[in-house]
Amino acid sequence: MAEQNNNQQQDVNQLIRVRYDKLHELQENGKDPFVITRYDVTHHSTDILENFEEMEGKEVSLAGRMMFKRVMGKASFCNIQDLKGRIQAYVARDNIGEDSYKDFKKYDVGDILGIKGTVFKTKTGETSIHATEVVLLSKSLQILPEKFHGLTDTDTRYRQRYVDLIMNEEVKDTFVKRSKVISSIRRFLDGQGFMEVETPMLVQNAGGAAARPFETHFNALDEDLRLRISLELYLKRLIVGGMERVYEIGRVFRNEGLDTRHNPEFTLMELYQAYTDYHGMMDLTENLYRYVAKEVTGSEILTYGEHTMDLSKPFERITMVDAVKKYANVDFNEIKDTAEAKKLADEHHIEYEDRHEKGDILNLFFEEYVEEHLIQPTFVMDHPVEISPLTKRKPDNPDYVERFEFFMNGWEMANAYSELNDPEDQRKRFEAQEALLAAGDEEANHLDEDFLNALSIGMPPTGGIGYGIDRMVMMMTNSPAIRDVLLFPTMKSLDK
């Protein structure tokens, strides 16, 4: 097997040498493709294929990568792949000239060509371009994966996404849809009066979520900084400043593990709206998800794996206590204190830490017994205060807060609050987080004096929410792993 692989590599190396030789010959003959700076493109492939009746007989010019070539004496066929698809070109010596045709016959699959010609149909009924000009715009010096086996190795696909996009049409479609998701979100929020803003990625205090940050050093100031784990604390400062509806779509960074739903850098959207609460965020989320699904997929019914999720119906709303009661048959309203909650956890073989209190135990029951059942769109409301350091308490039950998590397909898709705007309460919760940090919890928040100063100036009642954009794209494209919707996912270096 080793000898066979070695022979195959030698064959590939020989083919690559031939391509370099062809390039050098072109350059020696004054036909260097890399000196060409532009090519005027009038149409893409699908513009022609989908509108043949009005395009027939018209002159067009298009450009793309040659994915197939068949030479037949004085005439040849090739397939050109551009952003939108593939189209066939008929290349004849008598139409492009003898010298150009001689050059064309030496072009390789993978070369990037510009083709000008008229639209027609072949005898077999295939819409094609009858070429009058073929220009080599870039020479491919590598060998594309073999046609029928394609690029199938997952690790290589992620590392060489540029080849993956060339060889796998469905991959390109996924990332076209990702772009549509982002633009649809912006259209929806802009129509609701929201303003898109940008906030710092390099911060002194990485707060707003329970996560361990990445750390770096800023040489000019000789100061350690962190990469943000959330967008929250800066966006709330803008609400204080009177910008009543703001949102940001941006990368955040969390120093955590890799799996099918987690990447250490991912795209988060957070939005904040003054003078509303978490119920307002539920209404917005329902409308946003329906809008984006319809724009991107053409339907309010999403299929992911074996599940079908109906976004057209009102989303279920259930409290965390009621959800645990429904799926675990345990009523935390009857649990008096932390000691009783831990005893219950022991009986159900749920692991917890010494620092955990009653609210933490409730959340552990929720994760163990409830999440997997939340396939249809569901808002899980009213979380315990212990796991919600930035959220306003419920006036009638201060052990719980006005917070919800949005679930679909058993996944958390969004997290929303009626935002805490009491600076004294916020200080106490930050101090509790500092105590957790001192006890070894690397995901707890640091106290943020500037943010407390902003709150003391006065923040109106505000609803806020964070959406995992990558998971939304996974759902909209039926992609099994987060790396399938990240153009360049985090990968371990090959030399490690």
Protein backbone atom coordinates (compact mmCIF):
# COMPACT_ATOMS: atom_id res chain seq x y z
CA MET A 1 0.00 0.00 0.00
CA ALA A 2 2.86 2.39 0.86
CA GLU A 3 4.48 1.67 -2.52
CA GLN A 4 1.17 2.32 -4.30
CA ASN A 5 0.70 5.64 -2.50
CA ASN A 6 4.26 6.61 -3.35
CA ASN A 7 3.68 5.84 -7.02
CA GLN A 8 0.45 7.87 -7.01
CA GLN A 9 2.27 10.84 -5.47
CA GLN A 10 4.98 10.56 -8.13
CA ASP A 11 2.29 10.60 -10.83
CA VAL A 12 0.71 13.72 -9.30
CA ASN A 13 4.08 15.43 -9.04
CA GLN A 14 4.71 14.70 -12.73
CA LEU A 15 1.33 16.16 -13.72
CA ILE A 16 2.07 19.27 -11.67
CA ARG A 17 5.46 19.65 -13.37
CA VAL A 18 3.71 19.48 -16.75
CA ARG A 19 1.41 22.33 -15.69
CA TYR A 20 4.35 24.47 -14.66
CA ASP A 21 6.01 23.71 -18.00
CA LYS A 22 2.86 24.84 -19.83
CA LEU A 23 2.80 28.07 -17.84
CA HIS A 24 6.45 28.80 -18.55
CA GLU A 25 5.90 28.15 -22.26
CA LEU A 26 3.01 30.60 -22.31
CA GLN A 27 5.10 33.20 -20.52
CA GLU A 28 8.01 32.74 -22.95
CA ASN A 29 5.56 33.28 -25.82
CA GLY A 30 4.22 36.51 -24.33
CA LYS A 31 0.94 34.94 -23.17
CA ASP A 32 1.38 35.11 -19.38
CA PRO A 33 -2.15 34.76 -17.89
CA PHE A 34 -1.07 36.39 -14.64
CA VAL A 35 -0.54 39.80 -16.27
CA ILE A 36 -4.27 40.04 -17.13
CA THR A 37 -5.94 42.39 -14.64
CA ARG A 38 -9.62 42.23 -15.60
CA TYR A 39 -12.22 40.54 -17.76
CA ASP A 40 -15.60 42.05 -18.47
CA VAL A 41 -18.32 39.57 -17.44
CA THR A 42 -21.86 40.22 -18.65
CA HIS A 43 -23.64 37.10 -17.40
CA HIS A 44 -23.42 34.16 -15.02
CA SER A 45 -24.24 30.63 -16.06
CA THR A 46 -27.74 30.50 -14.55
CA ASP A 47 -28.66 33.85 -16.14
CA ILE A 48 -28.33 32.05 -19.48
CA LEU A 49 -29.63 28.61 -18.52
CA GLU A 50 -32.79 29.94 -16.87
CA ASN A 51 -33.61 32.49 -19.58
CA PHE A 52 -32.67 30.70 -22.82
CA GLU A 53 -35.59 31.92 -24.89
CA GLU A 54 -34.66 35.59 -24.46
CA MET A 55 -30.91 34.87 -24.51
CA GLU A 56 -30.76 32.69 -27.64
CA GLY A 57 -28.49 34.20 -30.28
CA LYS A 58 -27.23 36.98 -27.99
CA GLU A 59 -23.55 37.61 -27.32
CA VAL A 60 -22.45 37.01 -23.76
CA SER A 61 -19.19 36.88 -21.86
CA LEU A 62 -18.67 34.87 -18.72
CA ALA A 63 -15.73 33.64 -16.68
CA GLY A 64 -15.08 30.70 -14.41
CA ARG A 65 -13.14 27.54 -13.77
CA MET A 66 -12.96 24.85 -16.45
CA MET A 67 -14.21 21.64 -14.85
CA PHE A 68 -14.36 19.41 -17.93
CA LYS A 69 -12.85 19.39 -21.44
CA ARG A 70 -13.34 17.09 -24.42
CA VAL A 71 -11.18 17.74 -27.49
CA MET A 72 -12.51 16.44 -30.83
CA GLY A 73 -10.20 17.53 -33.64
CA LYS A 74 -11.19 20.96 -34.89
CA ALA A 75 -13.91 21.45 -32.24
CA SER A 76 -14.13 20.83 -28.50
CA PHE A 77 -16.48 21.14 -25.56
CA CYS A 78 -15.74 22.37 -22.05
CA ASN A 79 -17.75 23.10 -18.92
CA ILE A 80 -17.24 26.38 -17.08
CA GLN A 81 -18.17 26.72 -13.41
CA ASP A 82 -18.86 30.17 -11.99
CA LEU A 83 -20.47 31.43 -8.79
CA LYS A 84 -23.95 30.27 -9.74
CA GLY A 85 -23.44 26.99 -11.60
CA ARG A 86 -21.99 25.40 -14.73
CA ILE A 87 -22.54 25.90 -18.43
CA GLN A 88 -21.14 24.22 -21.52
CA ALA A 89 -19.05 26.03 -24.12
CA TYR A 90 -18.52 24.87 -27.72
CA VAL A 91 -15.02 25.86 -28.84
CA ALA A 92 -14.21 25.52 -32.56
CA ARG A 93 -10.95 26.36 -34.31
CA ASP A 94 -12.68 28.26 -37.09
CA ASN A 95 -14.41 30.57 -34.62
CA ILE A 96 -11.62 31.45 -32.20
CA GLY A 97 -8.67 31.19 -34.56
CA GLU A 98 -5.98 28.58 -35.07
CA ASP A 99 -3.49 29.94 -32.52
CA SER A 100 -6.11 30.38 -29.80
CA TYR A 101 -7.46 26.89 -30.44
CA LYS A 102 -3.95 25.43 -30.24
CA ASP A 103 -3.54 27.10 -26.84
CA PHE A 104 -7.00 25.98 -25.69
CA LYS A 105 -6.17 22.34 -26.34
CA LYS A 106 -3.32 22.64 -23.82
CA TYR A 107 -5.46 24.18 -21.08
CA ASP A 108 -6.12 22.01 -18.02
CA VAL A 109 -9.12 21.24 -15.87
CA GLY A 110 -8.97 23.81 -13.09
CA ASP A 111 -7.78 26.68 -15.30
CA ILE A 112 -9.83 29.87 -15.09
CA LEU A 113 -11.11 31.02 -18.47
CA GLY A 114 -12.98 33.97 -19.90
CA ILE A 115 -15.33 32.99 -22.73
CA LYS A 116 -17.20 35.24 -25.14
CA GLY A 117 -19.73 33.90 -27.61
CA THR A 118 -23.38 33.48 -28.58
CA VAL A 119 -26.05 31.46 -26.83
CA PHE A 120 -27.41 28.39 -28.64
CA LYS A 121 -28.58 24.83 -28.09
CA THR A 122 -26.67 21.79 -29.26
CA LYS A 123 -28.26 18.91 -31.20
CA THR A 124 -28.73 17.12 -27.86
CA GLY A 125 -30.67 20.10 -26.51
CA GLU A 126 -28.04 21.45 -24.09
CA THR A 127 -27.88 25.22 -23.67
CA SER A 128 -24.33 26.28 -24.54
CA ILE A 129 -22.06 29.16 -25.51
CA HIS A 130 -20.71 29.10 -29.07
CA ALA A 131 -17.31 30.60 -28.28
CA THR A 132 -15.79 33.39 -30.37
CA GLU A 133 -13.06 34.12 -27.79
CA VAL A 134 -11.35 32.07 -25.09
CA VAL A 135 -8.91 33.80 -22.73
CA LEU A 136 -6.79 32.10 -20.08
CA LEU A 137 -7.20 34.29 -17.00
CA SER A 138 -5.35 32.13 -14.47
CA LYS A 139 -3.36 28.91 -14.73
CA SER A 140 -4.16 26.22 -12.17
CA LEU A 141 -0.88 24.65 -11.10
CA GLN A 142 -2.43 22.04 -8.81
CA ILE A 143 -4.56 18.97 -9.54
CA LEU A 144 -8.19 19.10 -8.47
CA PRO A 145 -9.59 16.01 -6.72
CA GLU A 146 -10.73 13.22 -9.03
CA LYS A 147 -14.16 13.93 -10.49
CA PHE A 148 -16.21 11.03 -9.17
CA HIS A 149 -14.66 10.72 -5.70
CA GLY A 150 -14.41 14.45 -5.17
CA LEU A 151 -13.10 15.91 -1.94
CA THR A 152 -14.57 13.66 0.75
CA ASP A 153 -12.03 13.67 3.59
CA THR A 154 -13.63 15.89 6.24
CA ASP A 155 -10.41 17.21 7.72
CA THR A 156 -9.07 18.19 4.30
CA ARG A 157 -12.39 19.80 3.35
CA TYR A 158 -12.23 22.09 6.39
CA ARG A 159 -8.54 22.93 5.93
CA GLN A 160 -8.83 23.52 2.18
CA ARG A 161 -12.26 25.11 2.01
CA TYR A 162 -11.32 26.76 -1.30
CA VAL A 163 -11.11 23.29 -2.91
CA ASP A 164 -14.24 22.14 -1.08
CA LEU A 165 -16.19 25.05 -2.57
CA ILE A 166 -14.98 24.16 -6.07
CA MET A 167 -15.75 20.45 -5.86
CA ASN A 168 -18.92 20.31 -3.76
CA GLU A 169 -21.85 22.34 -5.03
CA GLU A 170 -23.90 21.76 -1.86
CA VAL A 171 -21.10 23.29 0.23
CA LYS A 172 -21.17 26.47 -1.83
CA ASP A 173 -24.96 26.53 -1.49
CA THR A 174 -24.64 26.34 2.31
CA PHE A 175 -22.44 29.41 2.42
CA VAL A 176 -24.61 31.31 -0.05
CA LYS A 177 -27.50 30.61 2.34
CA ARG A 178 -25.39 31.71 5.30
CA SER A 179 -24.92 35.06 3.62
CA LYS A 180 -28.68 35.23 3.02
CA VAL A 181 -29.35 34.51 6.71
CA ILE A 182 -27.18 37.47 7.74
CA SER A 183 -28.67 39.85 5.17
CA SER A 184 -32.22 38.73 6.08
CA ILE A 185 -31.59 39.41 9.77
CA ARG A 186 -30.32 42.87 8.93
CA ARG A 187 -33.34 43.64 6.74
CA PHE A 188 -35.74 42.50 9.46
CA LEU A 189 -34.09 44.45 12.27
CA ASP A 190 -33.56 47.56 10.16
CA GLY A 191 -37.29 47.43 9.41
CA GLN A 192 -37.96 47.32 13.16
CA GLY A 193 -35.97 50.47 13.77
CA PHE A 194 -32.79 48.85 15.10
CA MET A 195 -29.37 50.37 14.51
CA GLU A 196 -26.36 48.16 13.75
CA VAL A 197 -23.26 49.07 15.77
CA GLU A 198 -19.75 47.75 16.42
CA THR A 199 -18.09 47.31 19.81
CA PRO A 200 -14.55 46.29 20.86
CA MET A 201 -13.21 42.77 20.47
CA LEU A 202 -10.12 43.46 22.58
CA VAL A 203 -11.30 44.27 26.10
CA GLN A 204 -9.90 44.67 29.58
CA ASN A 205 -12.83 42.85 31.13
CA ALA A 206 -14.46 39.99 29.20
CA GLY A 207 -17.94 39.84 30.72
CA GLY A 208 -21.53 39.16 29.80
CA ALA A 209 -21.42 35.36 29.68
CA ALA A 210 -20.19 32.35 31.62
CA ALA A 211 -17.08 31.44 29.65
CA ARG A 212 -13.29 31.38 29.93
CA PRO A 213 -11.73 34.07 27.71
CA PHE A 214 -8.66 33.99 25.50
CA GLU A 215 -5.92 36.30 26.77
CA THR A 216 -3.37 38.34 24.82
CA HIS A 217 -0.88 41.13 25.41
CA PHE A 218 -0.99 44.59 23.89
CA ASN A 219 2.64 45.64 23.46
CA ALA A 220 2.04 49.38 22.92
CA LEU A 221 0.31 49.76 26.30
CA ASP A 222 2.21 46.88 27.95
CA GLU A 223 -1.14 45.59 29.14
CA ASP A 224 -2.87 42.22 29.14
CA LEU A 225 -6.18 42.18 27.28
CA ARG A 226 -8.84 39.59 26.59
CA LEU A 227 -10.90 38.69 23.55
CA ARG A 228 -14.57 39.35 24.15
CA ILE A 229 -16.84 36.46 25.12
CA SER A 230 -20.03 38.47 24.66
CA LEU A 231 -21.36 41.71 23.18
CA GLU A 232 -23.61 42.55 26.09
CA LEU A 233 -21.92 45.06 28.36
CA TYR A 234 -20.95 47.53 25.63
CA LEU A 235 -24.34 47.37 23.92
CA LYS A 236 -26.05 48.14 27.23
CA ARG A 237 -23.80 51.18 27.60
CA LEU A 238 -25.32 52.39 24.32
CA ILE A 239 -28.84 51.92 25.69
CA VAL A 240 -27.78 54.11 28.63
CA GLY A 241 -26.58 56.65 26.07
CA GLY A 242 -30.04 56.86 24.50
CA MET A 243 -29.62 54.57 21.47
CA GLU A 244 -32.92 52.82 22.08
CA ARG A 245 -32.61 49.87 19.66
CA VAL A 246 -29.16 48.48 18.85
CA TYR A 247 -27.73 45.23 17.55
CA GLU A 248 -24.37 43.79 16.62
CA ILE A 249 -23.42 40.73 14.58
CA GLY A 250 -19.86 39.77 15.35
CA ARG A 251 -17.31 37.16 16.34
CA VAL A 252 -16.88 36.27 20.01
CA PHE A 253 -14.20 34.01 21.46
CA ARG A 254 -14.51 31.39 24.19
CA ASN A 255 -11.64 29.25 25.36
CA GLU A 256 -13.56 25.99 25.37
CA GLY A 257 -13.68 22.63 23.61
CA LEU A 258 -14.60 21.70 20.06
CA ASP A 259 -17.64 19.62 19.15
CA THR A 260 -20.44 19.53 16.59
CA ARG A 261 -22.07 22.66 18.08
CA HIS A 262 -19.09 24.55 19.53
CA ASN A 263 -16.18 26.37 17.94
CA PRO A 264 -13.90 28.65 20.03
CA GLU A 265 -14.71 31.59 17.76
CA PHE A 266 -18.28 31.89 16.56
CA THR A 267 -20.77 34.47 15.33
CA LEU A 268 -23.10 35.96 17.88
CA MET A 269 -25.84 38.51 17.41
CA GLU A 270 -27.05 40.49 20.39
CA LEU A 271 -29.75 43.13 20.34
CA TYR A 272 -31.15 45.43 23.00
CA GLN A 273 -34.42 47.33 22.96
CA ALA A 274 -35.35 49.98 25.50
CA TYR A 275 -38.79 50.07 27.08
CA THR A 276 -39.62 46.40 26.59
CA ASP A 277 -38.99 43.14 28.46
CA TYR A 278 -38.38 39.46 27.79
CA HIS A 279 -41.92 39.02 26.52
CA GLY A 280 -41.12 41.59 23.84
CA MET A 281 -38.01 39.58 22.99
CA MET A 282 -40.15 36.44 22.56
CA ASP A 283 -42.44 38.22 20.11
CA LEU A 284 -39.45 39.58 18.19
CA THR A 285 -37.78 36.15 18.06
CA GLU A 286 -40.88 34.44 16.66
CA ASN A 287 -41.22 37.05 13.94
CA LEU A 288 -37.48 37.10 13.17
CA TYR A 289 -37.17 33.32 12.81
CA ARG A 290 -40.25 33.10 10.57
CA TYR A 291 -38.97 35.93 8.39
CA VAL A 292 -35.47 34.49 7.99
CA ALA A 293 -36.72 30.95 7.32
CA LYS A 294 -39.08 32.19 4.62
CA GLU A 295 -36.40 34.38 3.03
CA VAL A 296 -33.68 31.71 3.04
CA THR A 297 -35.57 28.43 2.56
CA GLY A 298 -38.89 29.61 1.12
CA SER A 299 -40.84 27.95 3.93
CA GLU A 300 -41.72 28.31 7.60
CA ILE A 301 -41.30 24.53 7.97
CA LEU A 302 -37.69 23.48 8.63
CA THR A 303 -36.33 19.96 8.33
CA TYR A 304 -33.24 19.07 10.30
CA GLY A 305 -32.14 15.46 10.26
CA GLU A 306 -35.09 13.36 11.32
CA HIS A 307 -37.03 16.29 12.79
CA THR A 308 -39.45 18.74 11.21
CA MET A 309 -40.00 22.04 13.00
CA ASP A 310 -43.03 24.21 12.34
CA LEU A 311 -42.29 27.91 12.74
CA SER A 312 -45.71 28.97 11.49
CA LYS A 313 -47.45 28.10 14.78
CA PRO A 314 -47.11 30.11 18.00
CA PHE A 315 -43.98 29.00 19.83
CA GLU A 316 -44.56 27.15 23.12
CA ARG A 317 -43.82 29.12 26.29
CA ILE A 318 -43.06 27.19 29.50
CA THR A 319 -41.24 28.00 32.74
CA MET A 320 -38.11 26.06 33.67
CA VAL A 321 -39.82 24.78 36.82
CA ASP A 322 -42.84 23.55 34.83
CA ALA A 323 -40.59 21.99 32.18
CA VAL A 324 -38.69 19.99 34.84
CA LYS A 325 -42.00 19.01 36.41
CA LYS A 326 -43.32 17.89 32.99
CA TYR A 327 -40.31 15.81 31.89
CA ALA A 328 -38.62 14.80 35.18
CA ASN A 329 -41.73 14.63 37.38
CA VAL A 330 -39.97 16.81 39.97
CA ASP A 331 -41.59 20.01 41.29
CA PHE A 332 -38.94 22.50 42.45
CA ASN A 333 -41.66 24.70 43.93
CA GLU A 334 -41.82 22.09 46.68
CA ILE A 335 -38.04 22.04 47.25
CA LYS A 336 -37.31 24.26 50.28
CA ASP A 337 -33.58 24.87 50.09
CA THR A 338 -30.22 23.89 48.61
CA ALA A 339 -29.71 20.93 50.93
CA GLU A 340 -32.99 19.39 49.81
CA ALA A 341 -32.15 20.07 46.16
CA LYS A 342 -28.77 18.32 46.49
CA LYS A 343 -30.40 15.35 48.19
CA LEU A 344 -32.80 15.12 45.24
CA ALA A 345 -29.87 15.32 42.80
CA ASP A 346 -28.15 12.46 44.63
CA GLU A 347 -31.29 10.34 44.31
CA HIS A 348 -31.39 11.03 40.56
CA HIS A 349 -27.62 10.48 40.08
CA ILE A 350 -27.08 14.05 38.89
CA GLU A 351 -23.56 15.31 39.53
CA TYR A 352 -23.08 18.79 41.02
CA GLU A 353 -20.38 20.88 42.67
CA ASP A 354 -20.18 21.94 46.32
CA ARG A 355 -20.72 25.59 45.36
CA HIS A 356 -24.00 24.84 43.57
CA GLU A 357 -27.20 26.16 45.12
CA LYS A 358 -30.85 25.24 44.59
CA GLY A 359 -31.13 27.20 41.34
CA ASP A 360 -28.02 25.54 39.91
CA ILE A 361 -29.49 22.11 40.73
CA LEU A 362 -32.75 23.05 38.97
CA ASN A 363 -30.73 23.92 35.87
CA LEU A 364 -28.87 20.60 36.03
CA PHE A 365 -32.21 18.76 36.16
CA PHE A 366 -33.36 20.80 33.16
CA GLU A 367 -30.25 19.89 31.17
CA GLU A 368 -30.53 16.21 32.07
CA TYR A 369 -34.26 15.64 31.59
CA VAL A 370 -35.73 18.40 29.43
CA GLU A 371 -33.50 19.75 26.64
CA GLU A 372 -33.66 16.68 24.37
CA HIS A 373 -37.47 16.92 24.25
CA LEU A 374 -37.58 20.54 23.03
CA ILE A 375 -37.77 19.82 19.30
CA GLN A 376 -40.48 22.30 18.31
CA PRO A 377 -39.75 26.02 18.87
CA THR A 378 -40.01 26.59 22.63
CA PHE A 379 -39.29 29.44 25.02
CA VAL A 380 -38.13 28.17 28.43
CA MET A 381 -38.82 31.03 30.83
CA ASP A 382 -38.04 32.19 34.35
CA HIS A 383 -34.60 30.85 35.22
CA PRO A 384 -33.17 30.74 38.74
CA VAL A 385 -31.24 33.84 39.78
CA GLU A 386 -28.09 31.81 40.57
CA ILE A 387 -27.40 31.20 36.86
CA SER A 388 -28.48 34.66 35.63
CA PRO A 389 -26.18 37.39 37.01
CA LEU A 390 -27.28 40.11 34.57
CA THR A 391 -31.06 39.60 34.62
CA LYS A 392 -33.91 41.44 36.35
CA ARG A 393 -35.62 39.46 39.12
CA LYS A 394 -39.29 38.57 38.88
CA PRO A 395 -41.11 41.06 41.15
CA ASP A 396 -43.42 38.37 42.55
CA ASN A 397 -40.73 35.71 42.98
CA PRO A 398 -37.19 37.10 43.43
CA ASP A 399 -35.58 33.64 43.42
CA TYR A 400 -36.21 33.65 39.66
CA VAL A 401 -35.48 36.11 36.87
CA GLU A 402 -37.19 37.35 33.73
CA ARG A 403 -35.12 35.29 31.34
CA PHE A 404 -35.81 32.77 28.61
CA GLU A 405 -33.80 30.45 26.43
CA PHE A 406 -35.14 29.64 22.99
CA PHE A 407 -34.89 25.96 22.00
CA MET A 408 -35.33 24.07 18.73
CA ASN A 409 -34.22 20.56 17.82
CA GLY A 410 -33.15 20.11 21.46
CA TRP A 411 -30.61 22.96 21.08
CA GLU A 412 -30.40 26.32 22.77
CA MET A 413 -30.75 28.85 19.94
CA ALA A 414 -31.02 32.13 21.86
CA ASN A 415 -30.85 33.56 25.38
CA ALA A 416 -32.86 36.61 26.46
CA TYR A 417 -33.43 38.78 29.52
CA SER A 418 -35.40 41.57 30.96
CA GLU A 419 -32.13 43.36 31.60
CA LEU A 420 -31.04 44.20 35.12
CA ASN A 421 -30.84 47.99 35.46
CA ASP A 422 -30.50 48.32 39.25
CA PRO A 423 -26.82 49.25 39.83
CA GLU A 424 -26.84 48.16 43.48
CA ASP A 425 -28.30 44.75 42.68
CA GLN A 426 -25.85 44.42 39.78
CA ARG A 427 -22.90 45.20 42.07
CA LYS A 428 -23.96 42.50 44.51
CA ARG A 429 -24.20 39.95 41.70
CA PHE A 430 -20.80 40.95 40.33
CA GLU A 431 -19.36 40.52 43.82
CA ALA A 432 -20.90 37.05 43.97
CA GLN A 433 -19.26 36.28 40.63
CA GLU A 434 -15.91 37.51 41.99
CA ALA A 435 -16.30 35.11 44.90
CA LEU A 436 -16.84 32.26 42.42
CA LEU A 437 -13.70 33.34 40.52
CA ALA A 438 -11.72 33.27 43.74
CA ALA A 439 -13.09 29.77 44.41
CA GLY A 440 -11.72 28.57 41.05
CA ASP A 441 -14.63 29.07 38.63
CA GLU A 442 -12.80 30.23 35.47
CA GLU A 443 -16.10 31.05 33.72
CA ALA A 444 -17.37 33.55 36.31
CA ASN A 445 -17.54 37.28 35.51
CA HIS A 446 -15.19 39.99 36.81
CA LEU A 447 -16.64 43.08 38.45
CA ASP A 448 -16.88 45.85 35.84
CA GLU A 449 -16.76 49.29 37.48
CA ASP A 450 -17.29 51.24 34.26
CA PHE A 451 -20.40 49.24 33.45
CA LEU A 452 -21.70 49.85 36.97
CA ASN A 453 -21.03 53.55 36.46
CA ALA A 454 -23.10 53.43 33.27
CA LEU A 455 -25.97 51.76 35.11
CA SER A 456 -25.78 54.38 37.86
CA ILE A 457 -26.35 57.09 35.25
CA GLY A 458 -29.60 55.28 34.45
CA MET A 459 -30.63 52.56 32.00
CA PRO A 460 -34.30 52.33 31.00
CA PRO A 461 -36.22 49.06 31.27
CA THR A 462 -34.70 47.00 28.46
CA GLY A 463 -35.14 43.67 26.74
CA GLY A 464 -32.05 41.97 25.38
CA ILE A 465 -31.27 38.75 23.52
CA GLY A 466 -28.32 36.88 22.06
CA TYR A 467 -28.63 34.57 19.04
CA GLY A 468 -26.13 31.92 17.96
CA ILE A 469 -25.92 32.70 14.25
CA ASP A 470 -23.96 29.55 13.39
CA ARG A 471 -26.63 27.30 14.91
CA MET A 472 -29.31 29.25 13.08
CA VAL A 473 -27.46 28.62 9.81
CA MET A 474 -27.07 24.92 10.69
CA MET A 475 -30.83 24.72 11.13
CA MET A 476 -31.58 26.61 7.91
CA THR A 477 -29.20 24.44 5.85
CA ASN A 478 -29.65 21.05 7.57
CA SER A 479 -25.92 20.97 8.35
CA PRO A 480 -24.82 18.32 10.88
CA ALA A 481 -21.89 20.21 12.45
CA ILE A 482 -20.94 23.80 13.18
CA ARG A 483 -17.77 23.36 11.12
CA ASP A 484 -19.98 22.79 8.08
CA VAL A 485 -21.27 26.38 8.34
CA LEU A 486 -17.95 28.06 9.21
CA LEU A 487 -15.87 28.81 6.15
CA PHE A 488 -12.64 28.40 8.09
CA PRO A 489 -13.26 26.51 11.36
CA THR A 490 -10.59 26.28 14.04
CA MET A 491 -8.25 23.37 13.29
CA LYS A 492 -5.22 21.94 15.04
CA SER A 493 -2.03 22.78 13.16
CA LEU A 494 -0.73 19.97 10.98
CA ASP A 495 2.78 20.36 12.39
CA LYS A 496 1.65 19.75 15.98
